[in-house]
Structure formats: C-alpha cells, structure tokens
Amino acid sequence: VKRCLKNAHYLHSLLFSKGIRTMLNERSSTVVFEKPRSEKFVRKWQLACQGDIAHVVVMPNITKEKIEAFVKELCETRRIN
C-alpha cells in the first residue's frame, strides 16, 4: 500500500510539474487529471474518463519507469494536438 501511495504522489507531482491540472487526496492512490485530447492515448492506457477528467488508480504493479513513460507520452500527445 505504501508503494502505491508513494507512486501516486510521484505521478501527481510529475503531472503538476508539466502544467497538467491534477488532484490527489493525500491517502488515495487515485490520481485525477485533465482528460487527454488523444483518444488513441486514452485507449492505449485504458483510462477511465468522464467529461473533461480522467483518473488513474496506481496499483502495486506500477513502477516509476511506467509512470515516467506515461507522463512522457501524455506530454508528447499534448504537443501534437
């Protein structure tokens, strides 16, 4: 559980540092952020979206490397669109 929370905070801080609006409850592993514009990205990462928001539940199998790849790809899709 501690690793999930730590990684959720890591994802939250990375998104925030890239200028992406994000929310995270201190004791939650669910990170809420602006819905990506790219439907291809949404499908690839199987994001749960509603309206203009998306969320990710950080599970035990999620590594910092996977988080970094996610944020990098998200930022790339934002530059294209």
Protein backbone atom coordinates (compact mmCIF):
# COMPACT_ATOMS: atom_id res chain seq x y z
CA VAL A 1 0.00 0.00 0.00
CA LYS A 2 2.82 2.41 0.89
CA ARG A 3 4.43 1.92 -2.53
CA CYS A 4 1.12 2.61 -4.28
CA LEU A 5 0.63 5.83 -2.33
CA LYS A 6 4.23 6.89 -2.95
CA ASN A 7 3.88 6.24 -6.68
CA ALA A 8 0.54 8.07 -6.80
CA HIS A 9 2.21 11.12 -5.26
CA TYR A 10 5.06 10.74 -7.76
CA LEU A 11 2.60 10.67 -10.68
CA HIS A 12 0.75 13.66 -9.26
CA SER A 13 3.95 15.70 -8.90
CA LEU A 14 5.16 14.80 -12.40
CA LEU A 15 1.86 15.81 -13.98
CA PHE A 16 1.78 19.04 -11.98
CA SER A 17 5.37 19.86 -12.99
CA LYS A 18 4.32 19.54 -16.65
CA GLY A 19 1.47 22.02 -16.19
CA ILE A 20 -1.28 19.42 -16.16
CA ARG A 21 -4.07 20.12 -13.68
CA THR A 22 -4.23 17.23 -11.25
CA MET A 23 -5.79 16.25 -7.94
CA LEU A 24 -4.81 13.67 -5.37
CA ASN A 25 -6.19 13.00 -1.92
CA GLU A 26 -3.28 12.51 0.47
CA ARG A 27 -4.40 8.99 1.39
CA SER A 28 -5.51 7.82 -2.03
CA SER A 29 -3.81 6.06 -4.91
CA THR A 30 -6.25 7.57 -7.44
CA VAL A 31 -4.85 10.48 -9.43
CA VAL A 32 -7.37 12.70 -11.24
CA PHE A 33 -6.24 14.91 -14.12
CA GLU A 34 -7.30 16.68 -17.30
CA LYS A 35 -8.66 14.24 -19.88
CA PRO A 36 -6.10 13.73 -22.66
CA ARG A 37 -7.20 15.01 -26.07
CA SER A 38 -5.91 11.90 -27.84
CA GLU A 39 -8.45 9.07 -27.87
CA LYS A 40 -5.66 6.75 -29.02
CA PHE A 41 -3.73 7.56 -25.83
CA VAL A 42 -6.87 7.08 -23.70
CA ARG A 43 -7.45 3.64 -25.25
CA LYS A 44 -3.80 2.56 -25.04
CA TRP A 45 -3.57 3.36 -21.33
CA GLN A 46 -7.18 2.26 -20.65
CA LEU A 47 -8.03 5.50 -18.85
CA ALA A 48 -11.33 5.96 -17.10
CA CYS A 49 -12.76 9.27 -18.34
CA GLN A 50 -15.86 11.28 -17.64
CA GLY A 51 -16.44 14.70 -19.14
CA ASP A 52 -13.14 16.54 -19.17
CA ILE A 53 -11.39 14.49 -16.48
CA ALA A 54 -9.58 11.17 -16.36
CA HIS A 55 -8.21 9.14 -13.50
CA VAL A 56 -5.57 6.53 -12.85
CA VAL A 57 -5.58 4.11 -9.94
CA VAL A 58 -1.95 3.37 -9.09
CA MET A 59 -1.72 -0.36 -8.40
CA PRO A 60 1.18 -2.44 -7.00
CA ASN A 61 2.44 -3.41 -10.46
CA ILE A 62 3.00 0.23 -11.46
CA THR A 63 6.66 1.26 -11.40
CA LYS A 64 8.29 4.68 -11.53
CA GLU A 65 9.51 3.78 -15.01
CA LYS A 66 5.95 3.10 -16.17
CA ILE A 67 4.79 6.38 -14.61
CA GLU A 68 7.58 8.26 -16.38
CA ALA A 69 6.71 6.62 -19.72
CA PHE A 70 3.03 7.51 -19.22
CA VAL A 71 3.79 11.17 -18.46
CA LYS A 72 6.29 11.44 -21.32
CA GLU A 73 3.79 10.04 -23.82
CA LEU A 74 0.98 12.19 -22.43
CA CYS A 75 3.13 15.31 -22.86
CA GLU A 76 4.00 14.27 -26.42
CA THR A 77 0.32 13.88 -27.31
CA ARG A 78 -0.41 17.31 -25.84
CA ARG A 79 2.23 18.89 -28.11
CA ILE A 80 0.79 17.24 -31.23
CA ASN A 81 -2.84 18.17 -30.57
